[in-house]
Amino acid sequence: MAKSRLNINDYIAEIKALERELNNEKTPQFIGSEQIVMKLSETSSRWDMSITPHRQGQALSNDGWNVCIVTARALNSGNLVASLAVESSVDSATEEMIDIPLPPSQSSVKKWFIPVFGPKTQPIHLKFQVIANDDCSINFEEWTPW
């Protein structure tokens, strides 16, 4: 039987190095990397705005709808990548957020169209948080038809 020129200790050392590398990959890491760091922007208020869903829906009921527009502007970068989180004082008031397309010249701005549903006489309080690649200013307004 021929003797192998490969050293078993070299294999063991290589396996140990791979095992260490695998364990390092499993450790908890922050979202993103050194190139992309996500930041949370929000106001210090408990609620950012109050909106009453006073517009009549299609059915004859006490429920109505309204819309708010939320705008985030990057404070330091020219390209904003962002998501919006909305908290409502009424659980079923907001169903979804709709991105508003903007021209490339406004790459540091992101806008959302947020339909709000609920009783026509009850103000609904909303809190906005923007998770983005930069610190942001947040503006919000009630949508008014043209």
N, C-alpha and C. Protein backbone atom coordinates (compact mmCIF):
# COMPACT_ATOMS: atom_id res chain seq x y z
N MET A 1 0.84 -1.16 0.00
CA MET A 1 0.00 0.00 0.00
C MET A 1 0.89 1.23 0.00
N ALA A 2 0.58 2.15 -0.90
CA ALA A 2 1.38 3.37 -1.01
C ALA A 2 0.98 4.35 0.07
N LYS A 3 1.96 5.08 0.55
CA LYS A 3 1.73 6.06 1.60
C LYS A 3 1.29 7.37 0.95
N SER A 4 0.25 7.99 1.50
CA SER A 4 -0.28 9.25 0.96
C SER A 4 0.65 10.40 1.30
N ARG A 5 0.79 11.31 0.34
CA ARG A 5 1.62 12.49 0.59
C ARG A 5 0.81 13.59 1.29
N LEU A 6 -0.49 13.40 1.41
CA LEU A 6 -1.34 14.41 2.06
C LEU A 6 -1.33 14.19 3.56
N ASN A 7 -1.26 15.27 4.28
CA ASN A 7 -1.21 15.20 5.73
C ASN A 7 -2.63 15.35 6.28
N ILE A 8 -3.04 14.40 7.09
CA ILE A 8 -4.39 14.44 7.67
C ILE A 8 -4.59 15.69 8.53
N ASN A 9 -3.53 16.18 9.16
CA ASN A 9 -3.65 17.38 9.99
C ASN A 9 -4.01 18.61 9.16
N ASP A 10 -3.56 18.65 7.90
CA ASP A 10 -3.92 19.76 7.02
C ASP A 10 -5.43 19.75 6.75
N TYR A 11 -5.98 18.56 6.54
CA TYR A 11 -7.42 18.46 6.32
C TYR A 11 -8.20 18.91 7.56
N ILE A 12 -7.75 18.48 8.71
CA ILE A 12 -8.42 18.85 9.95
C ILE A 12 -8.37 20.37 10.15
N ALA A 13 -7.23 20.98 9.90
CA ALA A 13 -7.09 22.43 10.05
C ALA A 13 -8.02 23.16 9.07
N GLU A 14 -8.11 22.65 7.84
CA GLU A 14 -8.99 23.28 6.84
C GLU A 14 -10.46 23.16 7.24
N ILE A 15 -10.85 22.01 7.75
CA ILE A 15 -12.23 21.81 8.20
C ILE A 15 -12.55 22.73 9.37
N LYS A 16 -11.62 22.88 10.31
CA LYS A 16 -11.82 23.78 11.45
C LYS A 16 -11.97 25.23 10.98
N ALA A 17 -11.17 25.64 10.01
CA ALA A 17 -11.26 27.01 9.48
C ALA A 17 -12.62 27.24 8.82
N LEU A 18 -13.10 26.27 8.05
CA LEU A 18 -14.41 26.39 7.42
C LEU A 18 -15.52 26.43 8.46
N GLU A 19 -15.38 25.64 9.51
CA GLU A 19 -16.38 25.63 10.58
C GLU A 19 -16.44 26.99 11.29
N ARG A 20 -15.27 27.59 11.57
CA ARG A 20 -15.23 28.92 12.19
C ARG A 20 -15.89 29.96 11.29
N GLU A 21 -15.59 29.90 10.00
CA GLU A 21 -16.17 30.84 9.05
C GLU A 21 -17.69 30.70 9.00
N LEU A 22 -18.18 29.46 9.01
CA LEU A 22 -19.62 29.22 9.00
C LEU A 22 -20.27 29.77 10.27
N ASN A 23 -19.65 29.56 11.42
CA ASN A 23 -20.20 30.07 12.68
C ASN A 23 -20.20 31.60 12.70
N ASN A 24 -19.19 32.22 12.11
CA ASN A 24 -19.17 33.69 12.04
C ASN A 24 -20.32 34.21 11.20
N GLU A 25 -20.69 33.50 10.15
CA GLU A 25 -21.81 33.91 9.30
C GLU A 25 -23.13 33.79 10.03
N LYS A 26 -23.23 32.89 10.99
CA LYS A 26 -24.47 32.67 11.71
C LYS A 26 -24.72 33.70 12.80
N THR A 27 -23.75 34.48 13.20
CA THR A 27 -23.94 35.43 14.29
C THR A 27 -24.89 36.54 13.87
N PRO A 28 -25.63 37.12 14.82
CA PRO A 28 -26.57 38.20 14.49
C PRO A 28 -25.83 39.37 13.85
N GLN A 29 -26.43 39.92 12.81
CA GLN A 29 -25.84 41.05 12.11
C GLN A 29 -26.90 42.13 11.95
N PHE A 30 -26.45 43.38 11.86
CA PHE A 30 -27.36 44.49 11.61
C PHE A 30 -27.90 44.39 10.19
N ILE A 31 -29.08 44.97 9.98
CA ILE A 31 -29.63 45.03 8.62
C ILE A 31 -28.69 45.85 7.77
N GLY A 32 -28.39 45.39 6.60
CA GLY A 32 -27.51 46.14 5.71
C GLY A 32 -26.06 45.75 5.94
N SER A 33 -25.18 46.62 5.52
CA SER A 33 -23.75 46.40 5.68
C SER A 33 -23.09 47.75 5.86
N GLU A 34 -21.79 47.79 5.70
CA GLU A 34 -21.10 49.07 5.82
C GLU A 34 -21.55 50.05 4.73
N GLN A 35 -21.99 49.53 3.59
CA GLN A 35 -22.43 50.39 2.51
C GLN A 35 -23.87 50.87 2.71
N ILE A 36 -24.74 50.01 3.24
CA ILE A 36 -26.15 50.35 3.41
C ILE A 36 -26.51 50.19 4.87
N VAL A 37 -26.86 51.28 5.52
CA VAL A 37 -27.29 51.25 6.91
C VAL A 37 -28.69 51.85 6.96
N MET A 38 -29.64 51.14 7.52
CA MET A 38 -31.00 51.63 7.58
C MET A 38 -31.19 52.47 8.84
N LYS A 39 -31.93 53.57 8.70
CA LYS A 39 -32.18 54.49 9.80
C LYS A 39 -33.68 54.70 9.97
N LEU A 40 -34.11 54.87 11.21
CA LEU A 40 -35.51 55.10 11.52
C LEU A 40 -35.72 56.59 11.76
N SER A 41 -36.67 57.18 11.04
CA SER A 41 -37.01 58.58 11.23
C SER A 41 -38.47 58.67 11.67
N GLU A 42 -38.72 59.47 12.68
CA GLU A 42 -40.07 59.69 13.16
C GLU A 42 -40.10 60.98 13.97
N THR A 43 -41.29 61.52 14.20
CA THR A 43 -41.42 62.71 15.03
C THR A 43 -41.48 62.27 16.49
N SER A 44 -41.36 63.23 17.39
CA SER A 44 -41.39 62.89 18.82
C SER A 44 -42.82 62.84 19.36
N SER A 45 -43.80 63.19 18.55
CA SER A 45 -45.20 63.18 18.99
C SER A 45 -45.75 61.76 19.07
N ARG A 46 -46.71 61.55 19.97
CA ARG A 46 -47.37 60.24 20.05
C ARG A 46 -48.11 59.96 18.74
N TRP A 47 -48.86 60.94 18.24
CA TRP A 47 -49.56 60.84 16.96
C TRP A 47 -49.12 61.99 16.08
N ASP A 48 -48.94 61.74 14.80
CA ASP A 48 -48.50 62.78 13.87
C ASP A 48 -49.66 63.59 13.32
N MET A 49 -50.75 62.95 13.02
CA MET A 49 -51.88 63.69 12.47
C MET A 49 -53.18 63.01 12.83
N SER A 50 -54.25 63.78 12.74
CA SER A 50 -55.59 63.27 12.95
C SER A 50 -56.37 63.52 11.67
N ILE A 51 -57.08 62.52 11.21
CA ILE A 51 -57.84 62.65 9.96
C ILE A 51 -59.21 62.02 10.17
N THR A 52 -60.25 62.69 9.68
CA THR A 52 -61.61 62.18 9.80
C THR A 52 -62.06 61.66 8.44
N PRO A 53 -62.50 60.42 8.37
CA PRO A 53 -62.94 59.85 7.09
C PRO A 53 -64.35 60.32 6.72
N HIS A 54 -64.47 61.60 6.37
CA HIS A 54 -65.78 62.23 6.15
C HIS A 54 -66.35 62.02 4.75
N ARG A 55 -65.59 61.51 3.82
CA ARG A 55 -66.10 61.31 2.45
C ARG A 55 -66.98 60.05 2.39
N GLN A 56 -68.11 60.15 1.73
CA GLN A 56 -69.07 59.04 1.65
C GLN A 56 -68.52 57.90 0.80
N GLY A 57 -68.71 56.68 1.28
CA GLY A 57 -68.34 55.50 0.50
C GLY A 57 -69.44 55.14 -0.47
N GLN A 58 -69.34 53.98 -1.09
CA GLN A 58 -70.35 53.56 -2.06
C GLN A 58 -71.63 53.06 -1.40
N ALA A 59 -71.52 52.52 -0.20
CA ALA A 59 -72.70 52.02 0.51
C ALA A 59 -73.23 53.10 1.45
N LEU A 60 -74.52 53.08 1.68
CA LEU A 60 -75.11 54.02 2.63
C LEU A 60 -74.86 53.49 4.04
N SER A 61 -73.88 54.06 4.69
CA SER A 61 -73.54 53.64 6.05
C SER A 61 -72.88 54.82 6.76
N ASN A 62 -72.53 54.60 7.99
CA ASN A 62 -71.84 55.64 8.76
C ASN A 62 -70.35 55.64 8.52
N ASP A 63 -69.87 54.72 7.68
CA ASP A 63 -68.44 54.65 7.39
C ASP A 63 -68.10 55.53 6.20
N GLY A 64 -66.91 56.09 6.25
CA GLY A 64 -66.44 56.93 5.16
C GLY A 64 -64.97 56.68 4.89
N TRP A 65 -64.39 57.55 4.10
CA TRP A 65 -62.98 57.40 3.75
C TRP A 65 -62.35 58.78 3.61
N ASN A 66 -61.05 58.80 3.66
CA ASN A 66 -60.25 59.99 3.43
C ASN A 66 -58.86 59.50 3.03
N VAL A 67 -58.01 60.42 2.64
CA VAL A 67 -56.67 60.05 2.20
C VAL A 67 -55.66 61.02 2.77
N CYS A 68 -54.53 60.50 3.20
CA CYS A 68 -53.42 61.39 3.57
C CYS A 68 -52.23 61.06 2.67
N ILE A 69 -51.40 62.08 2.48
CA ILE A 69 -50.18 61.96 1.68
C ILE A 69 -49.01 62.15 2.63
N VAL A 70 -48.08 61.21 2.63
CA VAL A 70 -46.87 61.30 3.46
C VAL A 70 -45.67 61.46 2.54
N THR A 71 -44.82 62.43 2.87
CA THR A 71 -43.62 62.70 2.08
C THR A 71 -42.39 62.57 2.96
N ALA A 72 -41.40 61.81 2.51
CA ALA A 72 -40.11 61.70 3.21
C ALA A 72 -39.04 62.31 2.31
N ARG A 73 -38.17 63.13 2.90
CA ARG A 73 -37.06 63.74 2.16
C ARG A 73 -35.75 63.36 2.84
N ALA A 74 -34.81 62.86 2.04
CA ALA A 74 -33.49 62.50 2.57
C ALA A 74 -32.78 63.78 3.01
N LEU A 75 -32.13 63.73 4.15
CA LEU A 75 -31.42 64.91 4.66
C LEU A 75 -29.98 64.98 4.19
N ASN A 76 -29.37 63.84 3.86
CA ASN A 76 -27.94 63.83 3.54
C ASN A 76 -27.57 63.24 2.19
N SER A 77 -28.46 62.45 1.59
CA SER A 77 -28.07 61.78 0.35
C SER A 77 -28.99 62.19 -0.80
N GLY A 78 -28.56 61.88 -2.00
CA GLY A 78 -29.34 62.22 -3.18
C GLY A 78 -30.28 61.12 -3.63
N ASN A 79 -30.12 59.92 -3.08
CA ASN A 79 -30.97 58.79 -3.46
C ASN A 79 -31.59 58.19 -2.21
N LEU A 80 -32.90 58.28 -2.11
CA LEU A 80 -33.60 57.76 -0.94
C LEU A 80 -34.23 56.41 -1.26
N VAL A 81 -33.94 55.43 -0.42
CA VAL A 81 -34.59 54.12 -0.47
C VAL A 81 -35.31 53.99 0.87
N ALA A 82 -36.65 53.93 0.84
CA ALA A 82 -37.40 54.01 2.09
C ALA A 82 -38.66 53.17 2.07
N SER A 83 -39.08 52.79 3.28
CA SER A 83 -40.37 52.13 3.51
C SER A 83 -41.08 52.91 4.59
N LEU A 84 -42.41 52.85 4.57
CA LEU A 84 -43.23 53.58 5.53
C LEU A 84 -43.97 52.59 6.42
N ALA A 85 -43.98 52.86 7.72
CA ALA A 85 -44.79 52.10 8.66
C ALA A 85 -45.81 53.07 9.25
N VAL A 86 -47.08 52.63 9.31
CA VAL A 86 -48.15 53.48 9.82
C VAL A 86 -48.82 52.79 10.99
N GLU A 87 -48.97 53.53 12.09
CA GLU A 87 -49.74 53.05 13.23
C GLU A 87 -51.01 53.88 13.29
N SER A 88 -52.13 53.23 13.56
CA SER A 88 -53.42 53.91 13.58
C SER A 88 -54.10 53.70 14.92
N SER A 89 -54.88 54.70 15.36
CA SER A 89 -55.62 54.56 16.61
C SER A 89 -56.82 53.63 16.46
N VAL A 90 -57.20 53.32 15.23
CA VAL A 90 -58.28 52.37 14.94
C VAL A 90 -57.67 51.24 14.11
N ASP A 91 -57.80 50.01 14.59
CA ASP A 91 -57.11 48.87 13.96
C ASP A 91 -57.38 48.72 12.47
N SER A 92 -58.62 48.88 12.05
CA SER A 92 -58.95 48.60 10.65
C SER A 92 -58.94 49.85 9.77
N ALA A 93 -58.37 50.94 10.24
CA ALA A 93 -58.44 52.21 9.50
C ALA A 93 -57.57 52.23 8.25
N THR A 94 -56.39 51.65 8.32
CA THR A 94 -55.51 51.67 7.15
C THR A 94 -55.29 50.24 6.67
N GLU A 95 -55.46 50.05 5.40
CA GLU A 95 -55.29 48.73 4.81
C GLU A 95 -53.97 48.60 4.07
N GLU A 96 -53.58 49.67 3.37
CA GLU A 96 -52.35 49.60 2.58
C GLU A 96 -51.82 51.00 2.32
N MET A 97 -50.57 51.04 1.90
CA MET A 97 -49.93 52.29 1.50
C MET A 97 -49.55 52.14 0.03
N ILE A 98 -49.79 53.18 -0.73
CA ILE A 98 -49.53 53.12 -2.17
C ILE A 98 -48.39 54.08 -2.49
N ASP A 99 -47.31 53.57 -3.09
CA ASP A 99 -46.20 54.43 -3.51
C ASP A 99 -46.66 55.36 -4.62
N ILE A 100 -46.29 56.63 -4.51
CA ILE A 100 -46.57 57.60 -5.56
C ILE A 100 -45.32 57.70 -6.43
N PRO A 101 -45.42 57.37 -7.71
CA PRO A 101 -44.24 57.46 -8.59
C PRO A 101 -43.79 58.92 -8.73
N LEU A 102 -42.49 59.13 -8.65
CA LEU A 102 -41.90 60.46 -8.81
C LEU A 102 -40.88 60.44 -9.93
N PRO A 103 -40.62 61.59 -10.54
CA PRO A 103 -39.61 61.63 -11.61
C PRO A 103 -38.21 61.41 -11.06
N PRO A 104 -37.27 60.97 -11.89
CA PRO A 104 -35.89 60.73 -11.45
C PRO A 104 -35.23 61.96 -10.82
N SER A 105 -35.67 63.14 -11.19
CA SER A 105 -35.08 64.36 -10.62
C SER A 105 -35.41 64.51 -9.13
N GLN A 106 -36.36 63.72 -8.62
CA GLN A 106 -36.72 63.77 -7.20
C GLN A 106 -36.30 62.48 -6.49
N SER A 107 -35.11 62.00 -6.77
CA SER A 107 -34.65 60.73 -6.21
C SER A 107 -34.40 60.79 -4.70
N SER A 108 -34.36 61.98 -4.12
CA SER A 108 -34.16 62.10 -2.67
C SER A 108 -35.49 62.23 -1.94
N VAL A 109 -36.60 62.02 -2.65
CA VAL A 109 -37.94 62.15 -2.07
C VAL A 109 -38.73 60.87 -2.32
N LYS A 110 -39.55 60.50 -1.34
CA LYS A 110 -40.46 59.35 -1.49
C LYS A 110 -41.82 59.79 -0.96
N LYS A 111 -42.90 59.43 -1.70
CA LYS A 111 -44.26 59.81 -1.29
C LYS A 111 -45.15 58.57 -1.26
N TRP A 112 -46.11 58.60 -0.32
CA TRP A 112 -47.09 57.53 -0.20
C TRP A 112 -48.49 58.13 -0.13
N PHE A 113 -49.43 57.43 -0.71
CA PHE A 113 -50.86 57.75 -0.73
C PHE A 113 -51.50 56.75 0.22
N ILE A 114 -52.14 57.22 1.31
CA ILE A 114 -52.66 56.30 2.32
C ILE A 114 -54.16 56.48 2.50
N PRO A 115 -54.97 55.56 1.98
CA PRO A 115 -56.42 55.62 2.21
C PRO A 115 -56.73 55.26 3.67
N VAL A 116 -57.66 56.01 4.27
CA VAL A 116 -58.05 55.79 5.66
C VAL A 116 -59.56 55.57 5.69
N PHE A 117 -60.01 54.51 6.36
CA PHE A 117 -61.42 54.16 6.41
C PHE A 117 -61.89 54.12 7.86
N GLY A 118 -63.17 54.50 8.10
CA GLY A 118 -63.71 54.43 9.43
C GLY A 118 -64.99 55.22 9.56
N PRO A 119 -65.52 55.32 10.80
CA PRO A 119 -66.73 56.10 11.03
C PRO A 119 -66.53 57.56 10.63
N LYS A 120 -67.55 58.14 9.95
CA LYS A 120 -67.42 59.49 9.41
C LYS A 120 -67.20 60.56 10.47
N THR A 121 -67.62 60.31 11.68
CA THR A 121 -67.52 61.34 12.72
C THR A 121 -66.34 61.14 13.66
N GLN A 122 -65.63 60.06 13.52
CA GLN A 122 -64.54 59.74 14.45
C GLN A 122 -63.18 60.10 13.87
N PRO A 123 -62.45 61.03 14.50
CA PRO A 123 -61.09 61.31 14.04
C PRO A 123 -60.20 60.08 14.27
N ILE A 124 -59.36 59.80 13.31
CA ILE A 124 -58.43 58.68 13.42
C ILE A 124 -57.03 59.25 13.49
N HIS A 125 -56.28 58.86 14.52
CA HIS A 125 -54.92 59.36 14.72
C HIS A 125 -53.94 58.42 14.02
N LEU A 126 -52.93 59.03 13.39
CA LEU A 126 -51.93 58.26 12.65
C LEU A 126 -50.52 58.64 13.10
N LYS A 127 -49.66 57.65 13.18
CA LYS A 127 -48.24 57.84 13.49
C LYS A 127 -47.43 57.24 12.34
N PHE A 128 -46.45 58.01 11.84
CA PHE A 128 -45.66 57.57 10.70
C PHE A 128 -44.21 57.35 11.11
N GLN A 129 -43.61 56.27 10.60
CA GLN A 129 -42.19 55.99 10.77
C GLN A 129 -41.62 55.63 9.40
N VAL A 130 -40.48 56.23 9.08
CA VAL A 130 -39.83 55.95 7.81
C VAL A 130 -38.53 55.20 8.09
N ILE A 131 -38.38 54.04 7.48
CA ILE A 131 -37.16 53.25 7.57
C ILE A 131 -36.44 53.45 6.24
N ALA A 132 -35.24 54.05 6.29
CA ALA A 132 -34.59 54.45 5.05
C ALA A 132 -33.08 54.35 5.15
N ASN A 133 -32.43 54.59 4.02
CA ASN A 133 -30.97 54.57 3.97
C ASN A 133 -30.36 55.90 4.43
N ASP A 134 -31.18 56.85 4.88
CA ASP A 134 -30.72 58.16 5.33
C ASP A 134 -31.71 58.69 6.35
N ASP A 135 -31.26 59.64 7.16
CA ASP A 135 -32.20 60.36 8.02
C ASP A 135 -33.14 61.14 7.12
N CYS A 136 -34.40 61.26 7.54
CA CYS A 136 -35.41 61.90 6.68
C CYS A 136 -36.21 62.93 7.46
N SER A 137 -36.69 63.92 6.74
CA SER A 137 -37.75 64.76 7.28
C SER A 137 -39.06 64.15 6.79
N ILE A 138 -40.09 64.23 7.63
CA ILE A 138 -41.38 63.63 7.29
C ILE A 138 -42.44 64.72 7.29
N ASN A 139 -43.17 64.83 6.19
CA ASN A 139 -44.29 65.76 6.09
C ASN A 139 -45.54 64.97 5.76
N PHE A 140 -46.67 65.45 6.21
CA PHE A 140 -47.93 64.75 5.96
C PHE A 140 -49.03 65.78 5.81
N GLU A 141 -50.02 65.42 5.00
CA GLU A 141 -51.13 66.32 4.74
C GLU A 141 -52.35 65.51 4.34
N GLU A 142 -53.52 66.11 4.55
CA GLU A 142 -54.74 65.50 4.07
C GLU A 142 -54.86 65.79 2.58
N TRP A 143 -55.19 64.77 1.81
CA TRP A 143 -55.33 64.93 0.37
C TRP A 143 -56.58 65.73 0.06
N THR A 144 -56.46 66.69 -0.83
CA THR A 144 -57.62 67.44 -1.29
C THR A 144 -57.78 67.22 -2.78
N PRO A 145 -58.99 66.87 -3.23
CA PRO A 145 -59.19 66.64 -4.66
C PRO A 145 -58.95 67.92 -5.46
N TRP A 146 -58.64 67.75 -6.72
CA TRP A 146 -58.32 68.90 -7.55
C TRP A 146 -59.50 69.78 -7.73
